[in-house]
Amino acid sequence: MADFDADVIVVGSGSLGGLAAQQIAQAGHSVIVLEAGPDIPDWKVTENWRNSPRKNNFNDPFGDVPYAPNSFTPGYVDPHLTGGLDVFPGTLRVLGGTSRHWTAATWRLLPEDMAMHSTYGIAEDWPISYDDLEPFYTQAEYEIGVNGQKGFDESGLGKGETYPPRSKPYPLPPEAKPYATQRLQQQVASMGFRVDIAPSSRLSQPYDNRPACIGNNICNWNCPIGAKHSGYHVVQKIRDLGVEIRTQAIVDKIETGDNGKITALSYINPEGDRTRLTAKMFVIAAHGYETPKLLLMNDLANSSDMVGRRLMIHPTIDMTWLSPEPYWTGRGQNIHGAIMQRRALPDRDKVPSTRYDLLNAPPEEGIAQGLLKDGTLGPELDAKIRDHSARVFTAEALTEDLPDPANRIEVNPSWTDAVGLPGIKLTYKLSDYTKANLPRLMEDYARFLQATGGTRVSAPEKFICQQHVMGTTVMGSKAEEAVCDADLRCFDHENLFLVTTGVMPTAGGVNPTLTGMALAIRAGQTIAKEL
């Protein structure tokens, strides 16, 4: 009989957990991946989305899963939001993880994003540098198929060279710009703004047995042809490597020995049956909510009192306007262009990094809701939906926030799911640092309106946020200040690794997923070498 059920057990089957498992399995080690949610194939998700009346609920196409609730499940996440924030980020528990629904934006952090204290005198520096992570960024891009501009300066500062530095070019050429992005680019250029192509893992040409994007434009829900990378693609790859994947496996108990090592974990299925597993090493690769929740439930990795704290979520302000001429948004890619010129300005110690996303999502539902709210009905409603859908445009400003220990994830025992496990309490206060961005945002939005001749439809009122969670299981160089080290190994448990965007010490002003993938690959290779 083997001494262990597997060399490594990975909790969580999203892109990050899958990529870590892939590195370990490729080195010849046995891996079991546990996923709390069900296995729902892509075709079913697309069909569910087509039939759902709740198009803005990204989780709805994956179904209501009482034993694996998500952020749209009433009561599961109890938000306590203050300071002008109106929406909290989401989580999905399903085979393939929350990256089953994302826009596939694949930005790298800048070197200065990882050295905020050294560069700007705020927040802190990461325990690793951009140069340390760069080879793993490259590996992640080639694994998932990222397209991008050659010679792209992602800082927005017009350096005239590729920045941040890259060891290899993007694996794929950039996507063609949809008409709406092209036209807006022409207009805002008069105000000094430059529109860049956002790198993404939507394929611009066939790659790795996936087809090129044909512009279905439901990227944020589910790509019906698989042109956009999702965690489901990684699941298929690791299955071929012999990784054992168990769904409906709800991990709730983790055991430790006298030396702090993890000795076993156990999970229950929806019927309440329990299974116990042992391994040499353990990886928690759940969402930035679920990882700290599981640690807190088991009183693990928290000698620093940092588990669940320092939550960052990229507060966002958007503006919608009607142009005198048609843009025809909703054709092509869901989000394509970006304005990067506010990303790395010298006054970042006082005003946060910002990126303007130029949205190209199907606009009809939001337009209809606004018109109905105003009392528009009958033939006038139909005519205005057609007219406004042609002329509408929305830009959103994704804003950096800083790590604050008071912003946190906690266990909420007053709410329980179908198998008796607790919910999540989310506490977040919008900081003065984030609010300091408002004057600049309002000025830029006024310039957008002037350049386009547009009429504002929705004025920015409250910050919402992206589906981004960072900081909740922070990495660092000192055990008394962080949860895990630069290798994502828990300071308190030498054989427990945390593979989640929650390890990020700072948020930067861009989507965290590619950074999380690079960290996952790096951690997976570290584990494989140590086995």
Protein backbone atom coordinates (compact mmCIF):
# COMPACT_ATOMS: atom_id res chain seq x y z
CA MET A 1 0.00 0.00 0.00
CA ALA A 2 1.30 3.45 -0.87
CA ASP A 3 2.18 5.72 2.02
CA PHE A 4 0.12 8.54 0.52
CA ASP A 5 -2.98 8.84 -1.65
CA ALA A 6 -1.01 11.17 -3.94
CA ASP A 7 2.22 13.10 -4.01
CA VAL A 8 0.26 16.36 -4.14
CA ILE A 9 -3.36 17.28 -3.51
CA VAL A 10 -4.61 20.51 -5.10
CA VAL A 11 -7.78 22.14 -3.76
CA GLY A 12 -9.38 24.12 -6.57
CA SER A 13 -9.56 23.39 -10.30
CA GLY A 14 -9.37 26.88 -11.78
CA SER A 15 -6.68 28.07 -14.18
CA LEU A 16 -4.18 28.64 -11.36
CA GLY A 17 -4.70 25.29 -9.66
CA GLY A 18 -4.71 23.53 -13.00
CA LEU A 19 -1.46 25.15 -14.13
CA ALA A 20 0.26 24.26 -10.85
CA ALA A 21 -0.99 20.66 -11.17
CA GLN A 22 0.23 20.56 -14.77
CA GLN A 23 3.80 21.42 -13.76
CA ILE A 24 3.80 18.77 -11.04
CA ALA A 25 2.28 16.05 -13.22
CA GLN A 26 4.61 16.78 -16.13
CA ALA A 27 7.51 16.06 -13.75
CA GLY A 28 6.08 12.58 -13.15
CA HIS A 29 4.38 13.05 -9.80
CA SER A 30 0.87 11.93 -8.86
CA VAL A 31 -1.73 14.65 -8.32
CA ILE A 32 -5.34 14.71 -7.15
CA VAL A 33 -7.35 17.87 -7.85
CA LEU A 34 -10.45 18.50 -5.74
CA GLU A 35 -13.25 20.79 -6.91
CA ALA A 36 -16.24 21.72 -4.75
CA GLY A 37 -18.51 22.44 -7.70
CA PRO A 38 -19.87 20.28 -10.53
CA ASP A 39 -18.52 19.58 -14.01
CA ILE A 40 -20.62 21.60 -16.46
CA PRO A 41 -19.48 21.37 -20.11
CA ASP A 42 -19.06 24.50 -22.19
CA TRP A 43 -21.93 23.67 -24.54
CA LYS A 44 -24.32 23.54 -21.60
CA VAL A 45 -23.09 26.86 -20.21
CA THR A 46 -23.65 28.53 -23.58
CA GLU A 47 -27.14 27.05 -23.86
CA ASN A 48 -27.98 28.16 -20.33
CA TRP A 49 -26.79 31.68 -21.09
CA ARG A 50 -28.97 31.88 -24.19
CA ASN A 51 -32.03 30.89 -22.15
CA SER A 52 -31.32 32.98 -19.06
CA PRO A 53 -33.15 36.28 -18.50
CA ARG A 54 -30.36 37.32 -16.09
CA LYS A 55 -27.67 38.26 -18.59
CA ASN A 56 -25.73 40.38 -16.09
CA ASN A 57 -25.41 37.47 -13.66
CA PHE A 58 -22.16 35.87 -14.84
CA ASN A 59 -22.71 32.82 -12.64
CA ASP A 60 -26.29 32.10 -13.72
CA PRO A 61 -25.38 29.90 -16.73
CA PHE A 62 -23.58 27.55 -14.34
CA GLY A 63 -26.72 26.90 -12.33
CA ASP A 64 -27.76 27.20 -8.71
CA VAL A 65 -25.55 24.79 -6.75
CA PRO A 66 -26.72 24.70 -3.11
CA TYR A 67 -23.68 22.73 -1.91
CA ALA A 68 -21.22 25.09 -3.69
CA PRO A 69 -22.73 28.59 -3.43
CA ASN A 70 -21.24 31.54 -5.28
CA SER A 71 -21.31 35.31 -4.97
CA PHE A 72 -24.75 35.54 -6.59
CA THR A 73 -26.22 33.07 -4.08
CA PRO A 74 -28.35 35.19 -1.72
CA GLY A 75 -26.57 35.57 1.61
CA TYR A 76 -23.42 33.65 0.78
CA VAL A 77 -21.29 36.80 0.68
CA ASP A 78 -22.38 39.33 3.31
CA PRO A 79 -20.93 42.66 2.12
CA HIS A 80 -20.17 45.56 4.44
CA LEU A 81 -19.20 48.33 2.03
CA THR A 82 -18.52 51.92 3.05
CA GLY A 83 -17.06 55.04 1.51
CA GLY A 84 -18.96 54.97 -1.79
CA LEU A 85 -18.55 51.42 -3.09
CA ASP A 86 -21.65 49.75 -4.50
CA VAL A 87 -20.68 46.30 -5.81
CA PHE A 88 -18.42 43.53 -4.53
CA PRO A 89 -16.44 41.07 -6.69
CA GLY A 90 -17.66 37.59 -7.50
CA THR A 91 -16.66 33.98 -7.21
CA LEU A 92 -17.78 30.84 -9.03
CA ARG A 93 -17.36 27.26 -7.81
CA VAL A 94 -17.34 24.92 -10.79
CA LEU A 95 -14.83 22.68 -12.56
CA GLY A 96 -12.44 25.12 -14.24
CA GLY A 97 -13.02 27.84 -11.64
CA THR A 98 -13.98 31.49 -11.92
CA SER A 99 -11.97 31.86 -15.13
CA ARG A 100 -14.84 30.04 -16.83
CA HIS A 101 -16.20 33.59 -17.06
CA TRP A 102 -13.68 36.36 -17.65
CA THR A 103 -12.85 38.75 -20.45
CA ALA A 104 -9.43 37.12 -20.91
CA ALA A 105 -7.44 40.33 -20.31
CA THR A 106 -3.83 39.26 -19.81
CA TRP A 107 -1.79 42.22 -18.63
CA ARG A 108 1.59 41.89 -16.95
CA LEU A 109 2.42 43.93 -13.90
CA LEU A 110 5.12 46.55 -14.36
CA PRO A 111 8.37 46.28 -12.37
CA GLU A 112 7.28 49.30 -10.34
CA ASP A 113 3.90 47.66 -9.53
CA MET A 114 5.91 45.06 -7.65
CA ALA A 115 8.12 47.65 -5.95
CA MET A 116 5.61 50.27 -4.83
CA HIS A 117 7.49 51.24 -1.68
CA SER A 118 10.87 51.55 -3.39
CA THR A 119 9.42 53.47 -6.33
CA TYR A 120 6.68 55.62 -4.82
CA GLY A 121 7.12 55.36 -1.05
CA ILE A 122 3.72 53.70 -0.49
CA ALA A 123 2.45 50.19 0.23
CA GLU A 124 5.32 47.69 0.06
CA ASP A 125 7.63 45.78 -2.24
CA TRP A 126 6.99 42.19 -3.26
CA PRO A 127 9.42 39.53 -2.03
CA ILE A 128 10.21 38.78 -5.69
CA SER A 129 10.97 41.13 -8.55
CA TYR A 130 9.56 41.45 -12.04
CA ASP A 131 12.76 39.88 -13.38
CA ASP A 132 12.15 36.84 -11.16
CA LEU A 133 8.63 36.43 -12.54
CA GLU A 134 9.26 37.31 -16.20
CA PRO A 135 10.12 33.79 -17.43
CA PHE A 136 6.91 32.49 -15.88
CA TYR A 137 4.85 35.29 -17.44
CA THR A 138 6.24 34.14 -20.77
CA GLN A 139 5.47 30.50 -20.07
CA ALA A 140 1.91 31.40 -19.06
CA GLU A 141 1.37 33.44 -22.24
CA TYR A 142 2.54 30.60 -24.46
CA GLU A 143 0.49 28.07 -22.51
CA ILE A 144 -2.84 29.89 -22.82
CA GLY A 145 -2.27 31.71 -26.14
CA VAL A 146 -1.96 35.48 -25.62
CA ASN A 147 -2.18 37.97 -28.46
CA GLY A 148 -0.64 41.43 -28.27
CA GLN A 149 1.09 44.33 -29.94
CA LYS A 150 4.75 44.07 -30.89
CA GLY A 151 6.87 46.67 -29.11
CA PHE A 152 4.02 47.57 -26.74
CA ASP A 153 4.76 49.96 -23.87
CA GLU A 154 2.20 48.85 -21.29
CA SER A 155 3.11 51.70 -18.93
CA GLY A 156 1.37 54.22 -21.17
CA LEU A 157 4.30 56.61 -20.75
CA GLY A 158 5.44 56.46 -24.37
CA LYS A 159 8.86 55.00 -23.62
CA GLY A 160 9.32 54.09 -27.28
CA GLU A 161 10.24 50.51 -26.43
CA THR A 162 8.71 47.27 -25.20
CA TYR A 163 7.84 47.71 -21.55
CA PRO A 164 7.91 45.87 -19.26
CA PRO A 165 10.88 43.97 -20.71
CA ARG A 166 10.05 40.64 -22.36
CA SER A 167 12.23 37.62 -23.07
CA LYS A 168 9.98 36.58 -25.97
CA PRO A 169 7.33 38.35 -28.05
CA TYR A 170 3.65 37.59 -27.66
CA PRO A 171 2.89 34.15 -29.12
CA LEU A 172 0.11 35.59 -31.30
CA PRO A 173 -0.39 38.80 -33.30
CA PRO A 174 -2.95 41.34 -32.05
CA GLU A 175 -6.65 41.13 -32.80
CA ALA A 176 -8.17 43.47 -35.35
CA LYS A 177 -9.90 46.43 -33.74
CA PRO A 178 -13.70 46.49 -33.85
CA TYR A 179 -15.21 49.51 -35.58
CA ALA A 180 -16.35 51.07 -32.30
CA THR A 181 -12.79 51.06 -30.95
CA GLN A 182 -11.37 52.39 -34.21
CA ARG A 183 -13.81 55.29 -34.30
CA LEU A 184 -13.31 56.22 -30.66
CA GLN A 185 -9.54 56.09 -31.18
CA GLN A 186 -9.85 58.66 -33.95
CA GLN A 187 -11.99 60.92 -31.78
CA VAL A 188 -10.05 60.92 -28.50
CA ALA A 189 -6.71 61.35 -30.28
CA SER A 190 -7.67 65.02 -30.61
CA MET A 191 -7.47 65.22 -26.80
CA GLY A 192 -4.10 63.52 -26.60
CA PHE A 193 -5.33 60.03 -25.69
CA ARG A 194 -3.95 56.90 -27.31
CA VAL A 195 -5.97 53.70 -27.65
CA ASP A 196 -3.95 50.50 -27.38
CA ILE A 197 -4.93 46.91 -28.04
CA ALA A 198 -5.35 45.12 -24.73
CA PRO A 199 -3.47 41.80 -24.67
CA SER A 200 -5.84 38.89 -24.24
CA SER A 201 -6.07 35.11 -24.43
CA ARG A 202 -8.71 35.29 -27.14
CA LEU A 203 -6.97 33.71 -30.08
CA SER A 204 -6.27 35.93 -33.09
CA GLN A 205 -5.44 32.79 -35.11
CA PRO A 206 -5.78 29.04 -34.44
CA TYR A 207 -3.52 27.89 -31.60
CA ASP A 208 -3.12 24.76 -29.49
CA ASN A 209 -6.18 23.02 -30.99
CA ARG A 210 -8.40 26.06 -30.36
CA PRO A 211 -10.02 28.15 -33.12
CA ALA A 212 -9.52 31.87 -33.65
CA CYS A 213 -12.06 34.34 -32.25
CA ILE A 214 -14.96 35.09 -34.63
CA GLY A 215 -16.54 37.84 -32.53
CA ASN A 216 -19.41 36.08 -30.78
CA ASN A 217 -19.04 38.86 -28.17
CA ILE A 218 -20.11 36.93 -25.07
CA CYS A 219 -16.53 36.67 -23.78
CA ASN A 220 -17.42 37.53 -20.19
CA TRP A 221 -19.92 34.69 -19.96
CA ASN A 222 -18.56 31.82 -22.01
CA CYS A 223 -16.87 31.60 -25.38
CA PRO A 224 -19.08 29.21 -27.39
CA ILE A 225 -16.21 28.03 -29.62
CA GLY A 226 -13.33 27.92 -27.10
CA ALA A 227 -11.29 30.73 -28.68
CA LYS A 228 -10.96 32.33 -25.24
CA HIS A 229 -8.86 30.49 -22.67
CA SER A 230 -10.63 29.22 -19.58
CA GLY A 231 -9.73 26.97 -16.69
CA TYR A 232 -11.70 24.24 -18.43
CA HIS A 233 -8.97 23.99 -21.08
CA VAL A 234 -6.37 23.31 -18.37
CA VAL A 235 -8.65 20.67 -16.84
CA GLN A 236 -8.68 18.80 -20.12
CA LYS A 237 -4.89 18.95 -20.38
CA ILE A 238 -4.16 17.71 -16.87
CA ARG A 239 -6.63 14.85 -17.30
CA ASP A 240 -4.51 13.73 -20.26
CA LEU A 241 -1.47 13.84 -17.97
CA GLY A 242 -3.14 11.40 -15.58
CA VAL A 243 -4.18 13.88 -12.92
CA GLU A 244 -7.16 12.55 -10.98
CA ILE A 245 -9.95 15.14 -10.75
CA ARG A 246 -12.78 14.81 -8.27
CA THR A 247 -15.74 17.15 -8.51
CA GLN A 248 -18.40 17.79 -5.86
CA ALA A 249 -15.56 17.36 -3.35
CA ILE A 250 -16.11 20.09 -0.75
CA VAL A 251 -12.95 20.39 1.33
CA ASP A 252 -13.67 21.60 4.85
CA LYS A 253 -11.14 19.98 7.18
CA ILE A 254 -7.34 20.10 7.10
CA GLU A 255 -5.20 18.23 9.62
CA THR A 256 -1.75 19.14 10.93
CA GLY A 257 0.99 17.25 12.78
CA ASP A 258 3.11 18.36 15.71
CA ASN A 259 5.64 20.05 13.43
CA GLY A 260 3.02 22.13 11.66
CA LYS A 261 3.07 20.03 8.51
CA ILE A 262 -0.23 19.24 6.86
CA THR A 263 -0.88 15.53 7.28
CA ALA A 264 -4.29 15.09 5.61
CA LEU A 265 -7.44 16.81 4.46
CA SER A 266 -10.98 15.62 4.10
CA TYR A 267 -13.97 16.58 2.02
CA ILE A 268 -17.68 15.89 1.93
CA ASN A 269 -19.89 15.34 -1.07
CA PRO A 270 -23.39 16.82 -1.48
CA GLU A 271 -24.87 13.83 0.37
CA GLY A 272 -22.58 14.44 3.35
CA ASP A 273 -20.29 11.43 2.87
CA ARG A 274 -16.72 12.14 4.02
CA THR A 275 -13.42 11.14 2.38
CA ARG A 276 -9.97 11.61 3.93
CA LEU A 277 -6.81 11.95 1.80
CA THR A 278 -3.11 12.13 2.54
CA ALA A 279 -0.25 13.56 0.47
CA LYS A 280 3.33 14.76 0.71
CA MET A 281 2.37 18.30 -0.23
CA PHE A 282 -0.85 20.27 -0.40
CA VAL A 283 -1.88 23.20 -2.55
CA ILE A 284 -4.87 25.42 -1.87
CA ALA A 285 -5.69 27.01 -5.21
CA ALA A 286 -9.16 28.31 -4.53
CA HIS A 287 -10.54 31.79 -5.20
CA GLY A 288 -9.29 34.80 -3.24
CA TYR A 289 -12.42 34.42 -1.08
CA GLU A 290 -12.40 30.65 -0.69
CA THR A 291 -8.72 30.19 0.16
CA PRO A 292 -8.74 32.44 3.26
CA LYS A 293 -12.15 31.08 4.24
CA LEU A 294 -10.80 27.51 4.28
CA LEU A 295 -7.69 28.56 6.22
CA LEU A 296 -9.76 30.47 8.78
CA MET A 297 -12.17 27.55 9.19
CA ASN A 298 -9.18 25.39 10.15
CA ASP A 299 -7.15 28.02 12.05
CA LEU A 300 -4.22 27.59 9.67
CA ALA A 301 -1.38 29.79 8.38
CA ASN A 302 -2.47 32.74 10.48
CA SER A 303 0.28 33.42 13.01
CA SER A 304 0.66 36.82 11.33
CA ASP A 305 -3.10 37.53 11.60
CA MET A 306 -3.03 38.38 7.90
CA VAL A 307 -5.29 35.61 6.55
CA GLY A 308 -8.28 37.30 4.90
CA ARG A 309 -6.89 40.80 5.39
CA ARG A 310 -5.55 43.41 2.94
CA LEU A 311 -8.37 42.78 0.45
CA MET A 312 -7.99 44.69 -2.83
CA ILE A 313 -10.67 44.69 -5.55
CA HIS A 314 -9.85 47.37 -8.19
CA PRO A 315 -12.60 49.98 -7.59
CA THR A 316 -14.05 51.12 -10.91
CA ILE A 317 -15.97 54.14 -12.19
CA ASP A 318 -17.69 53.96 -15.56
CA MET A 319 -19.48 56.41 -17.84
CA THR A 320 -21.93 55.77 -20.67
CA TRP A 321 -22.74 58.27 -23.40
CA LEU A 322 -24.65 58.55 -26.66
CA SER A 323 -22.73 59.70 -29.70
CA PRO A 324 -24.28 61.72 -32.56
CA GLU A 325 -23.08 58.96 -34.90
CA PRO A 326 -23.29 55.16 -34.71
CA TYR A 327 -20.57 53.13 -32.98
CA TRP A 328 -22.29 49.77 -33.35
CA THR A 329 -20.87 48.40 -30.11
CA GLY A 330 -21.44 44.73 -29.40
CA ARG A 331 -19.75 43.56 -32.60
CA GLY A 332 -16.36 41.85 -32.38
CA GLN A 333 -14.62 41.28 -29.07
CA ASN A 334 -16.27 42.01 -25.73
CA ILE A 335 -13.47 44.27 -24.46
CA HIS A 336 -10.71 45.19 -26.84
CA GLY A 337 -9.11 48.60 -26.45
CA ALA A 338 -7.57 50.40 -23.49
CA ILE A 339 -6.14 53.82 -22.66
CA MET A 340 -3.03 53.31 -20.53
CA GLN A 341 -1.69 56.85 -20.05
CA ARG A 342 -2.76 57.08 -16.39
CA ARG A 343 -1.13 53.80 -15.39
CA ALA A 344 2.28 54.85 -14.06
CA LEU A 345 2.37 58.62 -13.60
CA PRO A 346 4.96 60.20 -11.27
CA ASP A 347 2.29 61.30 -8.77
CA ARG A 348 1.23 57.73 -8.05
CA ASP A 349 2.12 58.22 -4.39
CA LYS A 350 -0.96 60.47 -4.22
CA VAL A 351 -3.21 59.38 -7.13
CA PRO A 352 -3.68 55.69 -8.01
CA SER A 353 -2.85 53.93 -11.23
CA THR A 354 -5.77 53.80 -13.66
CA ARG A 355 -6.59 52.09 -16.94
CA TYR A 356 -9.55 53.04 -19.12
CA ASP A 357 -11.24 50.01 -20.65
CA LEU A 358 -13.31 50.65 -23.77
CA LEU A 359 -16.27 48.34 -23.49
CA ASN A 360 -17.74 46.63 -26.51
CA ALA A 361 -20.35 44.46 -24.84
CA PRO A 362 -23.87 43.95 -26.21
CA PRO A 363 -25.65 47.11 -25.00
CA GLU A 364 -29.33 46.33 -25.52
CA GLU A 365 -30.25 45.04 -22.07
CA GLY A 366 -28.82 48.02 -20.19
CA ILE A 367 -30.44 50.44 -22.62
CA ALA A 368 -33.84 48.76 -22.27
CA GLN A 369 -33.59 48.84 -18.46
CA GLY A 370 -32.81 52.55 -18.47
CA LEU A 371 -35.65 53.38 -20.83
CA LEU A 372 -38.16 51.30 -18.87
CA LYS A 373 -37.06 53.03 -15.67
CA ASP A 374 -37.83 56.36 -17.37
CA GLY A 375 -41.30 55.11 -18.32
CA THR A 376 -40.69 54.63 -22.04
CA LEU A 377 -43.06 52.00 -23.47
CA GLY A 378 -44.58 50.64 -26.68
CA PRO A 379 -43.33 51.63 -30.16
CA GLU A 380 -41.26 54.45 -28.66
CA LEU A 381 -39.38 51.92 -26.53
CA ASP A 382 -38.59 49.74 -29.56
CA ALA A 383 -37.41 52.73 -31.59
CA LYS A 384 -35.20 54.09 -28.82
CA ILE A 385 -33.63 50.70 -28.11
CA ARG A 386 -32.64 50.44 -31.79
CA ASP A 387 -31.38 54.02 -31.93
CA HIS A 388 -29.51 54.04 -28.61
CA SER A 389 -27.95 50.62 -29.20
CA ALA A 390 -26.27 51.98 -32.32
CA ARG A 391 -24.89 55.12 -30.65
CA VAL A 392 -23.98 54.05 -27.11
CA PHE A 393 -20.46 53.71 -25.69
CA THR A 394 -19.19 52.91 -22.19
CA ALA A 395 -15.74 53.46 -20.77
CA GLU A 396 -14.65 52.25 -17.36
CA ALA A 397 -11.75 53.36 -15.20
CA LEU A 398 -10.19 50.45 -13.35
CA THR A 399 -8.47 52.00 -10.32
CA GLU A 400 -5.69 50.72 -8.12
CA ASP A 401 -6.37 50.31 -4.40
CA LEU A 402 -3.84 49.81 -1.63
CA PRO A 403 -3.63 46.96 0.91
CA ASP A 404 -5.46 47.82 4.13
CA PRO A 405 -5.67 45.16 6.88
CA ALA A 406 -9.14 46.44 7.81
CA ASN A 407 -10.46 45.38 4.39
CA ARG A 408 -10.96 41.68 4.77
CA ILE A 409 -12.65 38.35 4.28
CA GLU A 410 -14.02 36.54 7.35
CA VAL A 411 -16.05 33.42 8.01
CA ASN A 412 -19.76 34.14 8.52
CA PRO A 413 -21.20 31.33 10.68
CA SER A 414 -24.64 32.96 10.79
CA TRP A 415 -25.23 31.78 7.20
CA THR A 416 -24.79 28.15 6.15
CA ASP A 417 -25.07 26.36 2.84
CA ALA A 418 -26.78 23.08 1.95
CA VAL A 419 -24.03 21.00 3.59
CA GLY A 420 -23.82 23.16 6.71
CA LEU A 421 -20.68 25.17 5.89
CA PRO A 422 -20.48 28.89 6.67
CA GLY A 423 -20.73 31.85 4.37
CA ILE A 424 -18.35 34.78 3.91
CA LYS A 425 -18.32 38.25 5.45
CA LEU A 426 -16.69 40.89 3.25
CA THR A 427 -15.63 44.22 4.76
CA TYR A 428 -14.32 46.95 2.49
CA LYS A 429 -13.95 50.72 2.89
CA LEU A 430 -13.05 52.83 -0.10
CA SER A 431 -9.84 54.68 0.74
CA ASP A 432 -8.99 58.35 0.41
CA TYR A 433 -6.18 57.24 -1.91
CA THR A 434 -8.66 55.71 -4.35
CA LYS A 435 -11.02 58.69 -4.04
CA ALA A 436 -8.13 61.00 -4.93
CA ASN A 437 -8.51 59.69 -8.47
CA LEU A 438 -11.99 61.17 -8.95
CA PRO A 439 -10.99 64.69 -10.12
CA ARG A 440 -8.71 63.25 -12.80
CA LEU A 441 -11.34 60.73 -13.89
CA MET A 442 -14.03 63.39 -14.16
CA GLU A 443 -11.74 65.62 -16.19
CA ASP A 444 -10.85 62.78 -18.56
CA TYR A 445 -14.48 61.77 -18.96
CA ALA A 446 -15.38 65.36 -19.79
CA ARG A 447 -12.71 65.29 -22.47
CA PHE A 448 -14.13 62.04 -23.87
CA LEU A 449 -17.52 63.73 -24.18
CA GLN A 450 -16.00 66.77 -25.83
CA ALA A 451 -14.03 64.66 -28.32
CA THR A 452 -17.03 62.54 -29.29
CA GLY A 453 -19.73 65.20 -29.11
CA GLY A 454 -21.53 62.75 -26.86
CA THR A 455 -24.38 63.18 -24.41
CA ARG A 456 -23.80 61.53 -21.07
CA VAL A 457 -26.38 58.84 -20.27
CA SER A 458 -25.09 57.66 -16.91
CA ALA A 459 -23.03 59.94 -14.72
CA PRO A 460 -20.39 58.29 -12.56
CA GLU A 461 -21.84 58.11 -9.07
CA LYS A 462 -20.46 55.19 -7.09
CA PHE A 463 -17.46 52.96 -7.48
CA ILE A 464 -18.22 49.39 -8.43
CA CYS A 465 -15.41 46.84 -8.78
CA GLN A 466 -13.92 44.22 -11.03
CA GLN A 467 -14.11 40.48 -10.42
CA HIS A 468 -10.60 40.75 -8.97
CA VAL A 469 -9.52 39.69 -5.49
CA MET A 470 -5.99 40.26 -4.22
CA GLY A 471 -4.17 40.46 -0.89
CA THR A 472 -6.21 38.03 1.20
CA THR A 473 -3.36 35.51 1.67
CA VAL A 474 -0.47 37.87 1.12
CA MET A 475 3.07 36.80 0.31
CA GLY A 476 6.01 38.48 2.00
CA SER A 477 9.54 38.11 3.27
CA LYS A 478 8.70 38.01 7.00
CA ALA A 479 6.52 35.44 8.74
CA GLU A 480 5.15 38.02 11.17
CA GLU A 481 3.85 40.18 8.30
CA ALA A 482 2.62 37.70 5.68
CA VAL A 483 0.92 34.36 5.13
CA CYS A 484 3.30 32.79 2.60
CA ASP A 485 6.76 33.37 1.19
CA ALA A 486 7.97 34.17 -2.31
CA ASP A 487 7.49 30.52 -3.33
CA LEU A 488 3.87 30.66 -2.04
CA ARG A 489 4.77 28.29 0.79
CA CYS A 490 2.96 29.03 4.06
CA PHE A 491 5.32 30.25 6.76
CA ASP A 492 3.43 28.17 9.33
CA HIS A 493 3.24 24.94 7.29
CA GLU A 494 6.21 23.96 5.14
CA ASN A 495 4.26 21.56 2.89
CA LEU A 496 1.27 23.85 2.24
CA PHE A 497 1.28 26.20 -0.78
CA LEU A 498 -1.28 28.89 -1.68
CA VAL A 499 -1.85 29.35 -5.41
CA THR A 500 -4.28 32.24 -5.73
CA THR A 501 -4.29 35.90 -6.70
CA GLY A 502 -4.86 36.47 -2.99
CA VAL A 503 -1.08 36.23 -2.49
CA MET A 504 -0.47 39.50 -4.36
CA PRO A 505 0.88 42.21 -1.98
CA THR A 506 -0.21 45.07 -4.27
CA ALA A 507 -2.89 45.32 -6.93
CA GLY A 508 -1.43 47.49 -9.65
CA GLY A 509 -3.94 48.90 -12.11
CA VAL A 510 -4.48 45.84 -14.29
CA ASN A 511 -6.21 42.46 -14.15
CA PRO A 512 -4.38 40.01 -11.86
CA THR A 513 -5.08 36.73 -13.67
CA LEU A 514 -1.94 36.44 -15.80
CA THR A 515 0.18 37.30 -12.76
CA GLY A 516 -1.63 34.59 -10.82
CA MET A 517 -0.93 32.11 -13.64
CA ALA A 518 2.78 32.99 -13.67
CA LEU A 519 2.96 32.53 -9.90
CA ALA A 520 1.10 29.22 -10.19
CA ILE A 521 3.54 27.86 -12.77
CA ARG A 522 6.46 28.99 -10.63
CA ALA A 523 5.03 27.36 -7.51
CA GLY A 524 4.22 24.15 -9.38
CA GLN A 525 7.80 23.87 -10.59
CA THR A 526 9.10 24.54 -7.06
CA ILE A 527 6.92 21.76 -5.66
CA ALA A 528 7.93 19.34 -8.41
CA LYS A 529 11.62 19.91 -7.67
CA GLU A 530 11.15 19.30 -3.96
CA LEU A 531 9.23 16.02 -4.27
